């Protein structure tokens, strides 16, 4: 019987000929990802009676959420993790400053086609950009993987999205992803595997494609997958940490739902407070005052995103009364942006360029808005209090739109600057 990507890869990892949606399988991940929450996971691991981790080469830990440490508590957290890494011989450890875990996993060749990536972070589906099955799990589940190397998963139903044609200039993968979330709702893919196809997807750069599986977490997806093509294989040449075998769905596989989009009809959109599925055209919010603009995060902190923002900011200044914060997604992106002159453009425009990491996204220690502040961000979440202040408002948009808002001091279409 023809199988979807999720069915096919989970059957392979479970050592079964085939599986069906709803079936429970026991699998061993190729990569088990955690970040600053590795410290509490270690505590759970010890309470479980754990002494020695199952496979030091399976584990990847990236310090990115509260980085650099903003308090003694966070610094102690990092110290515990560093000691754990040394004691257990964890192979893949990336300390403060390397970048956001999802971006780092791709750059370091640890998110690979046909592999299983499980991570104690909700945006782990990001790794689906490389053709992996990647899903977020809880801390206790991760502790179990550290101890036993195994976890059970429910085989998800599958949603197929085909995007025909090409996106118009200035329209981005962020606009496409938000449009889909706005159409289906924030539970439109609850515990589903979302597969992406079509000419528009194939024409995207790897950096643009990454936005799609990343944001599917905001639609409730268990994982999201883009078939690995030559673009992916070329990127992994000399980068992949091990040999891999891509997995593709079978022709004629049965999907719970199939959707078709015309890329040419997608327009710049905004997700308004306080829901990611509260999506309307950019024009609906023209003139909304902006106190803070934030460019970065795992959804839009790559070189392509910084280049888009720099193209808007070049020769312009951030509006008086508005703040612009920029956090590159990784140290590699930061270096490339330096060489390309984007960092200079940001600084000359009056922006604050901060160290690679999650930065202002989760409201830990950077760019926390004041009560009543309005923020426009390239992040993936705009829940009430997401950036650290409950009584503030967060709008989500593309790098072009965020940069334009920083210049205008209000939400505006970049072409109208």
Protein backbone atom coordinates (compact mmCIF):
# COMPACT_ATOMS: atom_id res chain seq x y z
CA UNK A 1 0.00 0.00 0.00
CA UNK A 2 1.46 3.43 -0.98
CA UNK A 3 2.63 5.43 2.03
CA UNK A 4 3.06 9.11 2.86
CA UNK A 5 6.44 10.43 4.01
CA UNK A 6 5.58 10.13 7.70
CA UNK A 7 4.25 6.60 7.33
CA UNK A 8 7.22 5.49 5.26
CA UNK A 9 9.97 6.93 7.46
CA UNK A 10 8.41 5.84 10.75
CA UNK A 11 7.92 2.32 9.40
CA UNK A 12 11.59 2.28 8.41
CA UNK A 13 12.77 3.58 11.79
CA UNK A 14 10.54 1.10 13.63
CA UNK A 15 11.75 -1.81 11.51
CA UNK A 16 8.28 -2.49 10.10
CA UNK A 17 7.11 -3.12 6.56
CA UNK A 18 4.37 -0.51 6.84
CA UNK A 19 2.42 1.53 9.39
CA UNK A 20 -0.90 3.37 9.46
CA UNK A 21 -1.97 6.69 10.97
CA UNK A 22 -2.76 6.28 14.64
CA UNK A 23 -0.40 3.37 15.09
CA UNK A 24 2.11 3.58 17.94
CA UNK A 25 5.71 2.77 17.03
CA UNK A 26 8.93 2.65 19.01
CA UNK A 27 11.81 4.48 17.33
CA UNK A 28 15.39 5.59 17.95
CA UNK A 29 16.19 9.14 16.79
CA UNK A 30 19.28 9.95 14.77
CA UNK A 31 19.55 13.30 16.56
CA UNK A 32 18.10 14.24 19.97
CA UNK A 33 18.13 18.04 20.29
CA UNK A 34 17.86 20.20 23.38
CA UNK A 35 18.93 23.71 24.37
CA UNK A 36 18.98 25.63 27.65
CA UNK A 37 16.32 23.23 28.92
CA UNK A 38 18.97 20.48 28.97
CA UNK A 39 19.57 21.37 32.64
CA UNK A 40 16.06 20.45 33.83
CA UNK A 41 16.12 17.45 31.48
CA UNK A 42 19.29 16.31 33.24
CA UNK A 43 17.45 16.62 36.55
CA UNK A 44 14.65 14.39 35.23
CA UNK A 45 17.23 11.96 33.83
CA UNK A 46 18.80 11.58 37.28
CA UNK A 47 15.41 11.17 38.99
CA UNK A 48 14.73 8.34 36.54
CA UNK A 49 17.88 6.67 37.81
CA UNK A 50 19.93 7.60 34.76
CA UNK A 51 23.69 7.30 35.12
CA UNK A 52 25.15 7.16 31.62
CA UNK A 53 23.47 8.45 28.48
CA UNK A 54 22.57 5.90 25.82
CA UNK A 55 24.55 7.43 22.94
CA UNK A 56 26.67 10.61 23.33
CA UNK A 57 26.78 10.99 19.54
CA UNK A 58 22.99 11.10 19.29
CA UNK A 59 22.66 14.15 21.53
CA UNK A 60 22.96 17.74 20.31
CA UNK A 61 22.77 20.62 22.79
CA UNK A 62 22.77 24.29 21.77
CA UNK A 63 22.72 27.13 24.32
CA UNK A 64 20.56 29.73 22.61
CA UNK A 65 17.48 30.78 24.56
CA UNK A 66 18.99 32.90 27.35
CA UNK A 67 22.28 33.60 25.68
CA UNK A 68 24.39 35.28 26.91
CA UNK A 69 23.08 34.47 30.38
CA UNK A 70 20.99 37.43 31.68
CA UNK A 71 20.99 36.33 35.34
CA UNK A 72 22.83 34.20 37.85
CA UNK A 73 20.06 31.61 37.57
CA UNK A 74 20.53 31.31 33.81
CA UNK A 75 24.32 31.23 34.19
CA UNK A 76 24.01 28.36 36.68
CA UNK A 77 21.77 26.59 34.22
CA UNK A 78 24.46 26.88 31.57
CA UNK A 79 27.14 25.71 34.02
CA UNK A 80 25.16 22.55 34.79
CA UNK A 81 24.82 21.82 31.09
CA UNK A 82 28.52 22.33 30.40
CA UNK A 83 29.40 19.94 33.24
CA UNK A 84 26.90 17.39 31.93
CA UNK A 85 28.43 17.64 28.45
CA UNK A 86 31.94 17.05 29.80
CA UNK A 87 30.95 14.21 32.12
CA UNK A 88 28.87 12.37 29.53
CA UNK A 89 31.09 13.03 26.53
CA UNK A 90 28.32 14.65 24.47
CA UNK A 91 29.67 14.97 20.94
CA UNK A 92 27.60 17.83 19.56
CA UNK A 93 27.66 20.76 21.97
CA UNK A 94 27.40 24.38 20.83
CA UNK A 95 27.91 27.03 23.48
CA UNK A 96 26.52 30.54 23.78
CA UNK A 97 27.01 32.57 20.61
CA UNK A 98 26.85 29.77 18.04
CA UNK A 99 23.22 30.52 17.29
CA UNK A 100 19.67 29.18 17.36
CA UNK A 101 19.47 25.40 17.74
CA UNK A 102 17.36 24.75 14.62
CA UNK A 103 19.63 26.82 12.40
CA UNK A 104 22.77 25.33 13.95
CA UNK A 105 21.52 21.77 13.44
CA UNK A 106 21.14 22.46 9.71
CA UNK A 107 24.49 24.23 9.38
CA UNK A 108 26.31 21.50 11.28
CA UNK A 109 24.92 18.70 9.11
CA UNK A 110 22.87 17.10 11.89
CA UNK A 111 19.47 17.54 10.23
CA UNK A 112 19.67 15.06 7.37
CA UNK A 113 17.33 13.65 4.71
CA UNK A 114 15.60 10.47 5.74
CA UNK A 115 16.58 10.83 9.39
CA UNK A 116 14.58 11.19 12.59
CA UNK A 117 15.16 14.35 14.63
CA UNK A 118 13.43 14.72 18.00
CA UNK A 119 13.88 17.90 19.99
CA UNK A 120 12.72 19.39 23.28
CA UNK A 121 11.60 22.53 21.46
CA UNK A 122 8.30 23.10 19.69
CA UNK A 123 9.93 24.38 16.50
CA UNK A 124 11.92 21.20 15.89
CA UNK A 125 9.82 20.56 12.71
CA UNK A 126 12.21 23.15 11.20
CA UNK A 127 14.54 20.25 10.29
CA UNK A 128 11.93 19.06 7.80
CA UNK A 129 13.47 21.56 5.37
CA UNK A 130 16.25 18.99 4.90
CA UNK A 131 13.85 16.11 4.31
CA UNK A 132 13.95 14.81 7.88
CA UNK A 133 11.06 13.73 10.09
CA UNK A 134 11.46 16.23 12.91
CA UNK A 135 9.15 16.63 15.88
CA UNK A 136 9.05 18.46 19.19
CA UNK A 137 8.79 16.40 22.37
CA UNK A 138 8.63 17.07 26.12
CA UNK A 139 11.44 17.17 28.65
CA UNK A 140 10.53 13.84 30.25
CA UNK A 141 10.48 12.24 26.81
CA UNK A 142 13.92 13.63 26.08
CA UNK A 143 15.23 12.33 29.39
CA UNK A 144 13.93 8.89 28.40
CA UNK A 145 15.80 9.10 25.10
CA UNK A 146 18.99 10.05 26.93
CA UNK A 147 18.55 6.98 29.14
CA UNK A 148 17.18 4.37 26.74
CA UNK A 149 17.70 5.72 23.22
CA UNK A 150 14.08 5.05 22.34
CA UNK A 151 10.69 6.73 22.33
CA UNK A 152 7.22 5.82 21.14
CA UNK A 153 5.48 8.02 18.58
CA UNK A 154 1.99 8.00 17.15
CA UNK A 155 2.03 7.86 13.35
CA UNK A 156 0.41 11.13 12.20
CA UNK A 157 -2.16 11.70 9.49
CA UNK A 158 -0.75 13.64 6.54
CA UNK A 159 -1.68 16.95 4.92
CA UNK A 160 -0.41 17.66 1.40
CA UNK A 161 0.03 21.28 0.28
CA UNK A 162 0.89 22.05 -3.36
CA UNK A 163 1.90 25.61 -4.26
CA UNK A 164 1.71 26.28 -8.00
CA UNK A 165 3.39 29.09 -9.94
CA UNK A 166 5.76 31.63 -8.41
CA UNK A 167 5.59 34.18 -5.62
CA UNK A 168 5.54 37.80 -6.74
CA UNK A 169 8.57 40.04 -6.00
CA UNK A 170 8.52 41.16 -2.38
CA UNK A 171 6.25 38.29 -1.35
CA UNK A 172 8.03 35.77 0.82
CA UNK A 173 7.75 32.29 2.29
CA UNK A 174 6.65 34.01 5.51
CA UNK A 175 3.63 35.44 3.70
CA UNK A 176 2.82 32.01 2.27
CA UNK A 177 3.11 30.27 5.64
CA UNK A 178 1.01 32.87 7.45
CA UNK A 179 -1.61 32.73 4.69
CA UNK A 180 -1.95 28.97 5.11
CA UNK A 181 -2.17 29.28 8.91
CA UNK A 182 -4.76 32.03 8.54
CA UNK A 183 -6.81 29.82 6.22
CA UNK A 184 -6.66 26.63 8.29
CA UNK A 185 -6.43 28.03 11.83
CA UNK A 186 -3.94 27.40 14.57
CA UNK A 187 -5.16 23.81 14.93
CA UNK A 188 -5.52 23.17 11.22
CA UNK A 189 -2.78 20.53 11.19
CA UNK A 190 -3.05 19.24 14.74
CA UNK A 191 -0.67 16.27 15.14
CA UNK A 192 -0.34 15.99 11.37
CA UNK A 193 2.57 15.64 8.99
CA UNK A 194 2.51 18.54 6.51
CA UNK A 195 4.16 17.85 3.13
CA UNK A 196 5.03 20.70 0.73
CA UNK A 197 5.19 20.44 -3.07
CA UNK A 198 4.89 22.55 -6.21
CA UNK A 199 6.91 24.80 -8.49
CA UNK A 200 6.91 27.65 -5.97
CA UNK A 201 8.52 25.44 -3.32
CA UNK A 202 11.10 23.99 -5.69
CA UNK A 203 12.10 27.50 -6.80
CA UNK A 204 12.72 28.72 -3.24
CA UNK A 205 16.18 28.95 -1.73
CA UNK A 206 16.91 26.62 1.17
CA UNK A 207 16.70 29.62 3.51
CA UNK A 208 13.19 30.51 2.30
CA UNK A 209 12.00 26.92 2.47
CA UNK A 210 13.00 26.70 6.14
CA UNK A 211 10.26 29.17 7.07
CA UNK A 212 7.55 26.71 6.07
CA UNK A 213 8.21 23.70 8.33
CA UNK A 214 9.25 26.06 11.12
CA UNK A 215 5.91 27.85 11.12
CA UNK A 216 3.84 24.69 10.78
CA UNK A 217 4.36 24.24 14.52
CA UNK A 218 1.97 27.20 14.82
CA UNK A 219 -0.71 25.16 13.05
CA UNK A 220 -0.28 22.25 15.45
CA UNK A 221 1.74 20.06 13.08
CA UNK A 222 3.77 17.17 14.51
CA UNK A 223 6.25 17.52 11.67
CA UNK A 224 6.53 19.15 8.27
CA UNK A 225 8.48 17.91 5.26
CA UNK A 226 9.92 19.27 2.03
CA UNK A 227 11.38 16.59 -0.27
CA UNK A 228 15.16 16.79 -0.41
CA UNK A 229 16.28 17.78 -3.92
CA UNK A 230 19.61 18.71 -5.48
CA UNK A 231 19.60 22.02 -3.62
CA UNK A 232 19.63 20.10 -0.32
CA UNK A 233 22.17 17.53 -1.49
CA UNK A 234 24.54 20.26 -2.71
CA UNK A 235 24.26 22.08 0.61
CA UNK A 236 25.11 18.92 2.53
CA UNK A 237 28.15 18.08 0.42
CA UNK A 238 31.07 18.03 2.86
CA UNK A 239 28.76 19.17 5.67
CA UNK A 240 26.73 16.09 6.64
CA UNK A 241 28.02 14.45 9.80
CA UNK A 242 27.18 10.97 8.50
CA UNK A 243 25.89 9.15 5.46
CA UNK A 244 22.15 9.35 4.90
CA UNK A 245 19.43 7.95 2.68
CA UNK A 246 16.58 10.28 1.66
CA UNK A 247 13.03 9.03 2.11
CA UNK A 248 10.26 10.07 -0.27
CA UNK A 249 6.52 9.34 -0.15
CA UNK A 250 5.09 6.79 -2.54
CA UNK A 251 3.10 7.81 -5.60
CA UNK A 252 -0.57 7.34 -4.88
CA UNK A 253 -0.22 7.71 -1.11
CA UNK A 254 -3.44 8.58 0.69
CA UNK A 255 -3.65 11.94 2.48
CA UNK A 256 -6.15 13.11 5.07
CA UNK A 257 -6.36 16.38 3.15
CA UNK A 258 -4.85 17.95 0.02
CA UNK A 259 -4.69 21.70 -0.64
CA UNK A 260 -3.63 23.70 -3.69
CA UNK A 261 -2.43 27.31 -3.69
CA UNK A 262 -1.66 29.70 -6.51
CA UNK A 263 1.58 31.42 -5.45
CA UNK A 264 0.81 34.39 -7.67
CA UNK A 265 -2.24 35.18 -5.54
CA UNK A 266 -0.29 35.30 -2.26
CA UNK A 267 0.25 38.86 -1.00
CA UNK A 268 2.14 40.41 1.93
CA UNK A 269 0.22 39.64 5.10
CA UNK A 270 0.37 40.34 8.83
CA UNK A 271 -0.55 38.15 11.80
CA UNK A 272 -2.14 40.50 14.32
CA UNK A 273 -2.29 40.15 18.12
CA UNK A 274 -2.73 37.79 19.82
CA UNK A 275 -2.98 34.78 17.50
CA UNK A 276 -0.79 33.54 14.68
CA UNK A 277 -3.90 32.66 12.68
CA UNK A 278 -5.26 36.23 12.97
CA UNK A 279 -3.97 36.92 9.46
CA UNK A 280 -5.05 39.72 7.14
CA UNK A 281 -3.48 41.64 4.24
CA UNK A 282 -0.73 44.10 5.13
CA UNK A 283 -2.92 46.96 3.90
CA UNK A 284 -5.41 46.27 6.72
CA UNK A 285 -2.83 47.44 9.26
CA UNK A 286 -1.28 50.37 7.41
CA UNK A 287 -0.63 53.24 9.81
CA UNK A 288 -0.45 51.17 13.03
CA UNK A 289 2.22 52.81 15.21
CA UNK A 290 5.28 50.64 16.01
CA UNK A 291 7.44 51.08 19.12
CA UNK A 292 9.77 48.16 18.43
CA UNK A 293 10.75 46.17 15.35
CA UNK A 294 12.52 42.83 15.69
CA UNK A 295 14.42 41.06 12.91
CA UNK A 296 15.70 37.57 13.67
CA UNK A 297 14.55 34.24 15.21
CA UNK A 298 14.62 30.70 13.83
CA UNK A 299 11.91 31.60 11.33
CA UNK A 300 13.59 34.65 9.74
CA UNK A 301 17.12 35.29 10.99
CA UNK A 302 19.09 33.88 8.06
CA UNK A 303 21.30 35.76 5.60
CA UNK A 304 18.53 36.07 3.03
CA UNK A 305 16.30 37.70 5.65
CA UNK A 306 19.00 40.14 6.72
CA UNK A 307 19.64 40.97 3.05
CA UNK A 308 15.94 41.73 2.51
CA UNK A 309 15.84 44.05 5.52
CA UNK A 310 19.12 45.71 4.55
CA UNK A 311 17.74 46.46 1.08
CA UNK A 312 14.96 48.46 2.75
CA UNK A 313 17.19 50.13 5.36
CA UNK A 314 20.06 51.12 3.07
CA UNK A 315 20.44 54.89 3.19
CA UNK A 316 17.54 55.26 5.63
CA UNK A 317 17.19 55.72 9.39
CA UNK A 318 15.07 54.03 12.01
CA UNK A 319 12.21 56.39 12.88
CA UNK A 320 12.53 58.49 16.06
CA UNK A 321 10.68 56.74 18.88
CA UNK A 322 11.04 53.32 17.26
CA UNK A 323 13.65 50.68 18.15
CA UNK A 324 15.03 48.07 15.77
CA UNK A 325 16.73 44.94 17.15
CA UNK A 326 18.55 42.50 14.88
CA UNK A 327 19.75 39.03 15.93
CA UNK A 328 21.39 36.83 13.26
CA UNK A 329 20.27 33.19 13.53
CA UNK A 330 23.84 31.92 13.87
CA UNK A 331 27.47 32.96 14.04
CA UNK A 332 27.84 31.77 10.45
CA UNK A 333 25.03 34.08 9.34
CA UNK A 334 26.57 36.92 11.37
CA UNK A 335 29.94 36.53 9.64
CA UNK A 336 28.36 36.37 6.19
CA UNK A 337 26.27 39.45 6.96
CA UNK A 338 29.40 41.30 8.07
CA UNK A 339 31.17 40.44 4.83
CA UNK A 340 28.14 41.51 2.79
CA UNK A 341 27.92 44.86 4.57
CA UNK A 342 24.47 44.26 6.05
CA UNK A 343 25.61 44.76 9.64
CA UNK A 344 27.06 48.15 8.72
CA UNK A 345 23.77 49.06 7.06
CA UNK A 346 21.84 48.14 10.21
CA UNK A 347 24.14 50.08 12.54
CA UNK A 348 24.17 53.14 10.28
CA UNK A 349 20.38 53.04 10.21
CA UNK A 350 20.29 53.10 14.03
CA UNK A 351 19.53 49.46 14.73
CA UNK A 352 20.92 47.39 17.61
CA UNK A 353 22.69 44.24 16.36
CA UNK A 354 22.84 41.59 19.07
CA UNK A 355 24.59 38.23 19.42
CA UNK A 356 23.26 35.16 17.57
CA UNK A 357 20.52 33.37 19.47
CA UNK A 358 16.83 33.47 20.26
CA UNK A 359 17.15 37.05 21.47
CA UNK A 360 13.93 38.99 21.98
CA UNK A 361 11.64 36.26 20.65
CA UNK A 362 10.70 34.68 23.97
CA UNK A 363 11.03 37.66 26.30
CA UNK A 364 13.85 36.30 28.40
CA UNK A 365 16.25 39.19 28.54
CA UNK A 366 16.39 41.29 25.40
CA UNK A 367 14.02 43.73 23.76
CA UNK A 368 11.24 43.24 26.33
CA UNK A 369 8.47 45.70 25.40
CA UNK A 370 6.96 48.16 27.83
CA UNK A 371 3.31 48.00 28.84
CA UNK A 372 1.25 49.15 25.87
CA UNK A 373 4.12 48.86 23.39
CA UNK A 374 3.45 47.66 19.86
CA UNK A 375 6.01 45.32 18.31
CA UNK A 376 6.36 44.05 14.76
CA UNK A 377 8.52 40.95 14.49
CA UNK A 378 9.74 38.30 12.06
CA UNK A 379 9.20 35.70 14.80
CA UNK A 380 6.75 32.81 14.67
CA UNK A 381 4.62 33.65 17.72
CA UNK A 382 2.61 36.65 18.85
CA UNK A 383 0.79 35.22 21.88
CA UNK A 384 -0.03 37.59 24.72
CA UNK A 385 3.12 37.97 26.82
CA UNK A 386 5.32 36.07 24.36
CA UNK A 387 8.07 38.71 24.40
CA UNK A 388 7.90 39.18 28.17
CA UNK A 389 5.09 41.70 28.66
CA UNK A 390 1.49 40.60 28.80
CA UNK A 391 0.03 44.02 28.06
CA UNK A 392 1.82 44.63 24.78
CA UNK A 393 0.93 43.79 21.20
CA UNK A 394 2.96 41.73 18.72
CA UNK A 395 2.41 41.75 14.96
CA UNK A 396 4.20 39.25 12.71
CA UNK A 397 5.46 39.97 9.20
CA UNK A 398 8.24 39.38 6.71
CA UNK A 399 11.73 40.94 6.96
CA UNK A 400 10.78 43.49 4.27
CA UNK A 401 7.73 44.59 6.25
CA UNK A 402 9.52 44.70 9.62
CA UNK A 403 12.34 46.83 8.17
CA UNK A 404 9.87 49.18 6.49
CA UNK A 405 7.95 49.60 9.76
CA UNK A 406 11.19 50.44 11.57
CA UNK A 407 11.87 53.22 9.05
CA UNK A 408 8.33 54.59 8.97
CA UNK A 409 7.58 54.13 12.68
CA UNK A 410 4.36 52.46 11.62
CA UNK A 411 3.24 49.48 9.59
CA UNK A 412 3.62 50.30 5.93
CA UNK A 413 4.15 48.51 2.65
CA UNK A 414 7.87 48.72 1.72
CA UNK A 415 6.98 50.13 -1.71
CA UNK A 416 5.25 53.05 -0.01
CA UNK A 417 8.35 54.29 1.84
